[in-house]
Amino acid sequence: MNTVRLEIENRKGLKLQAYLELPANQKPNHFAIFAHCFSCNSNFNAVKNISRSLSNHGFGVLRFDFTGLGKSEGEFAESHFSANVEDLLDVNAYLAKHYKAPELLVGHSLGGAAVIVAASKLENVKAIATVGAPSTVNHVTHLFSHGLEDIPEKGEIEVKIGGRSFKINQDFVSDFSKTDLPKIIKELRKPILVMHAPFDQIVGIENAHQIYKNAMHPKSFISLDDADHLLSKSSDSVYVGNMIGTWVDKYFPQKENKMMQTDGEQLVAHLNLLQDNFTTSIQTKKHSFIADEPATIGGDDFGPSPYDYLSAGLAACTVMTLKMYAERKKWDLQEVFVYITYSKKHSDDLGLNVDKPTRFDHLRKKLKFVGNLDDKQIKRLKEIASKCPVHKTLLSTTLIDTEIID
């Protein structure tokens, strides 16, 4: 997974802060837009967790700050509901122009209402998912109902929403009554997933009932059990992202799984120099992964470096060997941590007595054991850690045959 930072100019000339979450191979099957909750922003933990979970399902997910929120330009008073919908339409246009038109819209709280309205205006959107969304747009006005009577005299007032202070005016308040959300839902005719917590204290569960009742099939509902409205627990927001990713598969055409063939070898690595920098696709018979170089040496850092994989192979082999040995001995080894660092070190620094001082490849291995083990057992496990197959391979004389094939 990789995050690309973007700036998107809306129809008013204001720059919206945005982030595009991409799957590990940087090649999404589909794109989605996430609309955050009222007075939240795109860096809200629930927003990031849902977006990143969706990216694991092959989506490119664009999350952004509405006008006047987060790091987007403009004032909060300009972030009324109609402006939110306009921002969504502008972000949709940006994705369609620079990447691919989004086919899924996801909205949290008032963002859920906004994506419903936006989806009704966008032919490219094939499905919608809402999380804790209100069934009417003006539901949100109870959050700042205090002091509204002072607006005609003062022009604007300062209200507190979620512990933060915002300035609002009459246009901001009036805009919430302009949208007939129930009517839009009835006429939507697109697959919709409604997700809501039964004990939501901010937007009650009856809102989910009304949305579901007004929506035409295909429609689905998933209960979020004991989650709160803001999905404060990371496990809840990750669950939401995974459920949306699974649900939406039914409505999107399945992409052909273009796996590279290993042609009888253990694995194959491929780098397209015309499309990629150093990002390399690696495929075994059953698994695929990405390698890259860090940004410090000109890479994009989309995946571990080749030497990271070398260290990873040693670490994985070590813990597996220790597991098998401890189980055979029936020792109380519960967990193993192996820390590996690769570097180049001079023979003098290593205290080696060699005829010609030189630099050596050096791997430092640190072990941490969890369990009821005595000193003798710990000492023996340290010895066994040096006997894993990869450890032995790295210390042996290795021959590599290279040939050119058509």
Protein backbone atom coordinates (compact mmCIF):
# COMPACT_ATOMS: atom_id res chain seq x y z
CA MET A 1 0.00 0.00 0.00
CA ASN A 2 1.24 3.47 -0.91
CA THR A 3 -0.17 6.93 -0.21
CA VAL A 4 0.07 9.70 -2.82
CA ARG A 5 -0.55 13.26 -1.65
CA LEU A 6 -2.62 15.43 -4.01
CA GLU A 7 -4.05 18.93 -4.29
CA ILE A 8 -7.34 19.18 -6.17
CA GLU A 9 -8.76 22.52 -7.21
CA ASN A 10 -12.54 22.73 -6.89
CA ARG A 11 -14.94 24.83 -8.98
CA LYS A 12 -14.43 27.81 -6.66
CA GLY A 13 -10.68 27.76 -7.17
CA LEU A 14 -10.01 26.44 -3.66
CA LYS A 15 -7.38 23.73 -3.24
CA LEU A 16 -8.58 20.58 -1.53
CA GLN A 17 -6.06 18.45 0.38
CA ALA A 18 -6.33 14.84 -0.78
CA TYR A 19 -4.59 11.48 -0.41
CA LEU A 20 -4.79 8.57 -2.82
CA GLU A 21 -4.31 5.15 -1.22
CA LEU A 22 -3.03 2.60 -3.74
CA PRO A 23 -2.78 -1.19 -3.37
CA ALA A 24 0.60 -2.86 -3.01
CA ASN A 25 1.12 -3.34 -6.75
CA GLN A 26 0.19 0.33 -7.42
CA LYS A 27 -2.34 -0.85 -10.04
CA PRO A 28 -5.91 -0.59 -8.72
CA ASN A 29 -8.68 -2.65 -10.29
CA HIS A 30 -11.19 0.10 -9.42
CA PHE A 31 -11.23 3.55 -7.80
CA ALA A 32 -13.32 4.86 -4.91
CA ILE A 33 -13.85 8.19 -3.13
CA PHE A 34 -14.25 8.43 0.64
CA ALA A 35 -16.24 11.32 2.13
CA HIS A 36 -15.47 11.99 5.81
CA CYS A 37 -17.90 12.84 8.60
CA PHE A 38 -19.19 16.31 9.44
CA SER A 39 -16.34 18.48 10.90
CA CYS A 40 -13.82 15.59 10.50
CA ASN A 41 -10.99 15.44 7.96
CA SER A 42 -9.18 13.00 5.68
CA ASN A 43 -6.54 12.18 8.31
CA PHE A 44 -9.11 11.02 10.83
CA ASN A 45 -8.06 7.50 11.90
CA ALA A 46 -11.33 5.87 10.81
CA VAL A 47 -11.01 7.46 7.36
CA LYS A 48 -7.44 6.19 6.92
CA ASN A 49 -8.24 2.71 8.20
CA ILE A 50 -11.26 2.24 5.94
CA SER A 51 -9.39 3.59 2.91
CA ARG A 52 -6.36 1.40 3.52
CA SER A 53 -8.49 -1.69 4.11
CA LEU A 54 -10.22 -1.05 0.79
CA SER A 55 -6.86 -0.71 -0.92
CA ASN A 56 -6.11 -4.27 0.22
CA HIS A 57 -9.13 -5.29 -1.87
CA GLY A 58 -7.56 -3.80 -4.99
CA PHE A 59 -9.07 -0.30 -4.80
CA GLY A 60 -7.41 3.02 -5.30
CA VAL A 61 -9.14 5.14 -2.64
CA LEU A 62 -9.10 8.93 -2.70
CA ARG A 63 -9.82 10.57 0.67
CA PHE A 64 -9.92 14.35 0.88
CA ASP A 65 -10.78 17.30 3.12
CA PHE A 66 -13.97 19.14 2.30
CA THR A 67 -13.77 22.91 1.80
CA GLY A 68 -12.77 24.68 5.01
CA LEU A 69 -11.80 21.49 6.84
CA GLY A 70 -8.47 19.82 7.52
CA LYS A 71 -5.84 21.31 5.25
CA SER A 72 -8.20 22.32 2.45
CA GLU A 73 -8.63 25.98 1.62
CA GLY A 74 -11.76 27.98 2.42
CA GLU A 75 -13.82 28.70 5.51
CA PHE A 76 -15.97 26.23 7.40
CA ALA A 77 -19.05 28.36 6.66
CA GLU A 78 -18.44 27.54 2.97
CA SER A 79 -18.56 23.82 3.79
CA HIS A 80 -22.34 23.55 3.74
CA PHE A 81 -23.96 20.40 2.41
CA SER A 82 -24.34 21.55 -1.21
CA ALA A 83 -20.66 22.57 -1.24
CA ASN A 84 -19.74 19.09 0.05
CA VAL A 85 -21.59 17.52 -2.86
CA GLU A 86 -19.89 19.92 -5.29
CA ASP A 87 -16.50 18.98 -3.82
CA LEU A 88 -17.32 15.31 -4.42
CA LEU A 89 -18.23 16.01 -8.03
CA ASP A 90 -15.00 17.97 -8.54
CA VAL A 91 -12.90 15.20 -6.97
CA ASN A 92 -14.72 12.69 -9.20
CA ALA A 93 -13.79 14.77 -12.26
CA TYR A 94 -10.14 14.92 -11.13
CA LEU A 95 -9.94 11.14 -10.72
CA ALA A 96 -11.60 10.56 -14.08
CA LYS A 97 -9.12 12.90 -15.81
CA HIS A 98 -5.87 11.85 -14.12
CA TYR A 99 -6.54 8.20 -13.19
CA LYS A 100 -9.89 6.49 -13.80
CA ALA A 101 -13.48 7.45 -12.98
CA PRO A 102 -14.42 6.11 -9.53
CA GLU A 103 -17.07 3.38 -9.40
CA LEU A 104 -17.59 3.32 -5.61
CA LEU A 105 -18.47 6.13 -3.21
CA VAL A 106 -18.13 5.63 0.55
CA GLY A 107 -19.38 8.17 3.09
CA HIS A 108 -19.22 8.40 6.87
CA SER A 109 -21.97 10.26 8.78
CA LEU A 110 -23.00 13.37 6.82
CA GLY A 111 -20.45 12.28 4.22
CA GLY A 112 -22.75 9.29 3.69
CA ALA A 113 -25.62 11.60 2.76
CA ALA A 114 -23.29 13.54 0.46
CA VAL A 115 -22.18 10.44 -1.46
CA ILE A 116 -25.81 9.40 -1.99
CA VAL A 117 -26.58 12.78 -3.58
CA ALA A 118 -23.34 12.76 -5.61
CA ALA A 119 -23.99 9.20 -6.81
CA SER A 120 -27.39 10.28 -8.12
CA LYS A 121 -25.55 12.73 -10.41
CA LEU A 122 -22.72 10.46 -11.58
CA GLU A 123 -23.25 7.70 -14.13
CA ASN A 124 -19.79 6.25 -13.49
CA VAL A 125 -20.65 5.37 -9.87
CA LYS A 126 -21.90 1.79 -9.65
CA ALA A 127 -22.26 1.34 -5.88
CA ILE A 128 -22.53 3.32 -2.63
CA ALA A 129 -21.68 2.46 0.98
CA THR A 130 -22.72 4.60 3.95
CA VAL A 131 -21.48 4.40 7.53
CA GLY A 132 -23.54 5.97 10.32
CA ALA A 133 -25.33 8.22 7.81
CA PRO A 134 -28.39 10.37 8.63
CA SER A 135 -31.62 9.73 6.71
CA THR A 136 -32.20 13.47 6.24
CA VAL A 137 -29.65 16.19 5.60
CA ASN A 138 -30.99 18.65 8.20
CA HIS A 139 -30.46 16.01 10.90
CA VAL A 140 -27.05 17.54 11.51
CA THR A 141 -28.43 20.96 12.51
CA HIS A 142 -29.12 19.79 16.06
CA LEU A 143 -25.34 19.89 16.60
CA PHE A 144 -25.36 23.69 16.39
CA SER A 145 -28.98 24.60 17.16
CA HIS A 146 -27.93 26.72 20.12
CA GLY A 147 -27.46 30.36 19.26
CA LEU A 148 -29.06 30.25 15.81
CA GLU A 149 -31.48 32.99 16.83
CA ASP A 150 -28.49 35.37 17.02
CA ILE A 151 -27.51 34.94 13.36
CA PRO A 152 -29.90 37.59 11.91
CA GLU A 153 -28.41 40.21 14.24
CA LYS A 154 -24.75 39.16 14.23
CA GLY A 155 -24.48 37.80 10.67
CA GLU A 156 -22.45 34.84 11.91
CA ILE A 157 -21.96 33.00 15.18
CA GLU A 158 -19.32 30.73 16.64
CA VAL A 159 -20.46 27.22 17.54
CA LYS A 160 -18.70 24.23 19.05
CA ILE A 161 -18.94 20.92 17.24
CA GLY A 162 -17.07 17.93 18.56
CA GLY A 163 -15.15 20.19 20.94
CA ARG A 164 -13.92 22.46 18.13
CA SER A 165 -15.03 26.03 17.37
CA PHE A 166 -16.46 26.95 13.95
CA LYS A 167 -18.08 30.07 12.53
CA ILE A 168 -21.36 29.63 10.64
CA ASN A 169 -23.84 31.98 8.95
CA GLN A 170 -27.46 31.84 7.77
CA ASP A 171 -26.57 30.45 4.32
CA PHE A 172 -24.72 27.62 6.01
CA VAL A 173 -27.76 26.72 8.14
CA SER A 174 -30.38 27.18 5.42
CA ASP A 175 -28.55 24.95 2.95
CA PHE A 176 -29.22 21.83 5.05
CA SER A 177 -32.97 22.06 4.32
CA LYS A 178 -32.59 22.27 0.53
CA THR A 179 -31.98 18.58 -0.17
CA ASP A 180 -34.77 15.99 -0.15
CA LEU A 181 -32.56 13.01 0.70
CA PRO A 182 -35.39 10.42 1.11
CA LYS A 183 -36.63 11.22 -2.42
CA ILE A 184 -33.10 10.95 -3.86
CA ILE A 185 -32.59 7.57 -2.14
CA LYS A 186 -35.87 6.21 -3.58
CA GLU A 187 -34.85 7.25 -7.10
CA LEU A 188 -31.19 6.18 -6.82
CA ARG A 189 -31.46 2.68 -8.36
CA LYS A 190 -27.91 1.72 -7.48
CA PRO A 191 -26.60 -0.97 -5.08
CA ILE A 192 -26.27 0.51 -1.60
CA LEU A 193 -24.72 -0.87 1.59
CA VAL A 194 -25.96 0.68 4.83
CA MET A 195 -23.68 0.20 7.86
CA HIS A 196 -24.70 1.50 11.27
CA ALA A 197 -24.07 0.87 14.97
CA PRO A 198 -27.25 -0.03 16.91
CA PHE A 199 -26.26 2.20 19.83
CA ASP A 200 -24.98 5.20 17.85
CA GLN A 201 -25.53 8.17 20.18
CA ILE A 202 -25.07 10.85 17.51
CA VAL A 203 -26.99 9.48 14.52
CA GLY A 204 -29.53 6.98 15.83
CA ILE A 205 -30.10 3.56 14.30
CA GLU A 206 -33.55 4.69 13.09
CA ASN A 207 -31.72 6.64 10.38
CA ALA A 208 -30.31 3.40 8.95
CA HIS A 209 -33.83 1.94 9.00
CA GLN A 210 -35.19 4.87 6.99
CA ILE A 211 -32.36 4.79 4.43
CA TYR A 212 -32.79 1.03 3.97
CA LYS A 213 -36.58 1.37 3.74
CA ASN A 214 -36.38 4.12 1.11
CA ALA A 215 -33.71 2.43 -0.99
CA MET A 216 -34.62 0.07 -3.81
CA HIS A 217 -32.98 -3.33 -4.20
CA PRO A 218 -30.20 -4.33 -4.37
CA LYS A 219 -29.60 -3.06 -0.84
CA SER A 220 -27.76 -4.51 2.15
CA PHE A 221 -27.36 -3.74 5.85
CA ILE A 222 -24.50 -4.59 8.19
CA SER A 223 -24.71 -3.94 11.92
CA LEU A 224 -21.60 -2.48 13.54
CA ASP A 225 -22.56 -3.91 16.94
CA ASP A 226 -20.93 -1.93 19.77
CA ALA A 227 -19.04 0.60 17.61
CA ASP A 228 -19.49 4.30 18.37
CA HIS A 229 -20.42 6.89 15.76
CA LEU A 230 -16.82 7.98 15.06
CA LEU A 231 -15.53 4.38 14.88
CA SER A 232 -13.00 5.24 17.58
CA LYS A 233 -11.72 1.67 17.81
CA SER A 234 -9.39 0.81 14.94
CA SER A 235 -10.82 -2.72 14.77
CA ASP A 236 -14.24 -1.26 13.90
CA SER A 237 -13.01 0.92 11.03
CA VAL A 238 -10.82 -1.86 9.61
CA TYR A 239 -13.85 -4.16 9.76
CA VAL A 240 -15.93 -1.58 7.88
CA GLY A 241 -13.32 -1.33 5.09
CA ASN A 242 -13.04 -5.10 4.75
CA MET A 243 -16.82 -5.59 4.66
CA ILE A 244 -17.26 -2.94 1.97
CA GLY A 245 -14.46 -4.50 -0.08
CA THR A 246 -16.13 -7.93 0.12
CA TRP A 247 -19.67 -6.65 -0.50
CA VAL A 248 -18.86 -4.60 -3.58
CA ASP A 249 -17.19 -7.52 -5.40
CA LYS A 250 -20.65 -8.75 -6.40
CA TYR A 251 -21.37 -5.60 -8.38
CA PHE A 252 -18.04 -5.06 -10.11
CA PRO A 253 -16.74 -7.15 -13.02
CA GLN A 254 -14.01 -9.49 -11.93
CA LYS A 255 -10.60 -8.59 -13.30
CA GLU A 256 -8.51 -11.34 -14.82
CA ASN A 257 -5.75 -12.36 -12.43
CA LYS A 258 -2.71 -11.76 -14.60
CA MET A 259 -0.17 -13.77 -12.67
CA MET A 260 3.28 -14.15 -14.15
CA GLN A 261 4.27 -17.71 -14.89
CA THR A 262 7.38 -19.07 -13.20
CA ASP A 263 8.03 -21.42 -16.15
CA GLY A 264 9.12 -24.26 -13.92
CA GLU A 265 11.39 -22.14 -11.70
CA GLN A 266 10.79 -21.23 -8.06
CA LEU A 267 10.00 -17.58 -8.79
CA VAL A 268 10.17 -14.85 -11.41
CA ALA A 269 10.87 -11.11 -11.03
CA HIS A 270 9.77 -8.54 -13.60
CA LEU A 271 10.57 -4.85 -14.05
CA ASN A 272 8.95 -2.82 -16.84
CA LEU A 273 11.49 -0.05 -17.41
CA LEU A 274 9.04 1.93 -19.57
CA GLN A 275 6.37 2.13 -16.84
CA ASP A 276 8.17 1.78 -13.52
CA ASN A 277 11.20 3.17 -11.76
CA PHE A 278 12.65 0.37 -9.62
CA THR A 279 9.33 -1.20 -8.59
CA THR A 280 9.67 -4.91 -9.31
CA SER A 281 6.90 -7.52 -9.33
CA ILE A 282 7.85 -10.91 -7.92
CA GLN A 283 5.77 -14.06 -8.37
CA THR A 284 6.12 -17.56 -6.95
CA LYS A 285 3.73 -20.30 -7.96
CA LYS A 286 1.20 -19.15 -5.36
CA HIS A 287 2.27 -15.74 -4.03
CA SER A 288 3.06 -12.29 -5.40
CA PHE A 289 4.85 -9.35 -3.81
CA ILE A 290 6.67 -6.12 -4.61
CA ALA A 291 10.30 -5.04 -4.25
CA ASP A 292 11.62 -1.50 -4.60
CA GLU A 293 14.42 0.80 -3.56
CA PRO A 294 14.06 3.52 -0.90
CA ALA A 295 13.49 7.11 -1.97
CA THR A 296 16.95 8.04 -0.67
CA ILE A 297 18.55 6.27 -3.63
CA GLY A 298 15.98 7.17 -6.26
CA GLY A 299 13.31 4.54 -5.69
CA ASP A 300 9.61 4.97 -4.89
CA ASP A 301 9.70 2.86 -1.71
CA PHE A 302 6.62 0.87 -2.76
CA GLY A 303 8.02 -2.30 -1.21
CA PRO A 304 10.96 -3.80 0.67
CA SER A 305 14.41 -3.55 -0.91
CA PRO A 306 16.29 -6.62 -2.19
CA TYR A 307 18.43 -6.66 0.95
CA ASP A 308 15.28 -6.37 3.08
CA TYR A 309 14.12 -9.59 1.46
CA LEU A 310 17.51 -11.17 2.11
CA SER A 311 17.19 -10.27 5.79
CA ALA A 312 13.56 -11.38 5.81
CA GLY A 313 14.49 -14.81 4.48
CA LEU A 314 17.06 -15.26 7.24
CA ALA A 315 14.65 -14.04 9.94
CA ALA A 316 11.76 -16.21 8.75
CA CYS A 317 13.88 -19.31 8.47
CA THR A 318 15.32 -18.70 11.94
CA VAL A 319 11.96 -18.44 13.73
CA MET A 320 10.57 -21.48 11.90
CA THR A 321 13.63 -23.58 12.79
CA LEU A 322 13.41 -22.52 16.44
CA LYS A 323 9.69 -23.40 16.52
CA MET A 324 10.29 -26.91 15.20
CA TYR A 325 13.18 -27.52 17.61
CA ALA A 326 11.35 -26.22 20.70
CA GLU A 327 8.23 -28.25 19.88
CA ARG A 328 10.28 -31.39 19.40
CA LYS A 329 11.95 -30.81 22.77
CA LYS A 330 8.58 -29.84 24.33
CA TRP A 331 10.07 -26.60 25.69
CA ASP A 332 7.87 -23.69 26.73
CA LEU A 333 8.80 -21.39 23.86
CA GLN A 334 5.71 -19.23 23.20
CA GLU A 335 6.99 -16.47 20.91
CA VAL A 336 10.18 -15.68 18.99
CA PHE A 337 11.36 -12.31 17.73
CA VAL A 338 14.32 -12.15 15.33
CA TYR A 339 15.77 -8.74 14.47
CA ILE A 340 18.08 -8.55 11.43
CA THR A 341 20.23 -5.68 10.17
CA TYR A 342 22.35 -5.90 7.03
CA SER A 343 25.36 -3.62 6.50
CA LYS A 344 28.87 -3.44 5.08
CA LYS A 345 31.55 -3.45 7.79
CA HIS A 346 35.33 -3.21 7.67
CA SER A 347 37.34 -6.15 8.92
CA ASP A 348 39.02 -3.89 11.49
CA ASP A 349 35.63 -2.94 12.96
CA LEU A 350 34.71 -6.59 13.19
CA GLY A 351 37.99 -7.47 14.88
CA LEU A 352 38.93 -9.94 12.16
CA ASN A 353 42.53 -10.95 11.62
CA VAL A 354 42.84 -11.13 7.81
CA ASP A 355 45.82 -10.92 5.47
CA LYS A 356 44.29 -8.03 3.55
CA PRO A 357 41.92 -5.68 5.39
CA THR A 358 38.65 -5.31 3.49
CA ARG A 359 34.92 -4.72 3.87
CA PHE A 360 32.58 -7.62 4.57
CA ASP A 361 28.84 -8.16 4.17
CA HIS A 362 27.58 -8.26 7.74
CA LEU A 363 24.27 -9.52 9.14
CA ARG A 364 23.48 -8.82 12.79
CA LYS A 365 20.90 -11.18 14.26
CA LYS A 366 19.23 -10.47 17.61
CA LEU A 367 16.93 -12.99 19.30
CA LYS A 368 14.14 -12.46 21.81
CA PHE A 369 12.33 -15.41 23.38
CA VAL A 370 9.01 -15.39 25.23
CA GLY A 371 8.33 -18.37 27.45
CA ASN A 372 9.41 -20.21 30.58
CA LEU A 373 12.97 -21.08 29.58
CA ASP A 374 16.08 -21.63 31.68
CA ASP A 375 19.56 -20.37 30.80
CA LYS A 376 20.62 -23.70 29.34
CA GLN A 377 17.63 -23.80 27.01
CA ILE A 378 18.19 -20.21 25.89
CA LYS A 379 21.83 -20.95 25.12
CA ARG A 380 20.84 -24.00 23.08
CA LEU A 381 18.21 -22.06 21.14
CA LYS A 382 20.86 -19.50 20.24
CA GLU A 383 22.98 -22.33 18.80
CA ILE A 384 20.00 -23.72 16.86
CA ALA A 385 19.29 -20.25 15.42
CA SER A 386 22.60 -20.51 13.56
CA LYS A 387 21.66 -23.88 12.07
CA CYS A 388 18.63 -22.83 10.04
CA PRO A 389 18.97 -23.63 6.30
CA VAL A 390 19.10 -20.01 5.12
CA HIS A 391 21.77 -19.17 7.74
CA LYS A 392 23.85 -22.07 6.48
CA THR A 393 23.34 -21.04 2.85
CA LEU A 394 24.54 -17.50 3.54
CA LEU A 395 27.71 -18.84 5.15
CA SER A 396 28.42 -21.40 2.44
CA THR A 397 30.08 -21.02 -0.94
CA THR A 398 27.17 -20.37 -3.28
CA LEU A 399 27.33 -20.93 -7.03
CA ILE A 400 25.02 -18.97 -9.33
CA ASP A 401 24.52 -20.01 -12.95
CA THR A 402 23.19 -17.34 -15.29
CA GLU A 403 21.79 -17.95 -18.77
CA ILE A 404 19.87 -15.98 -21.39
CA ILE A 405 16.49 -17.32 -22.54
CA ASP A 406 14.16 -16.11 -25.32
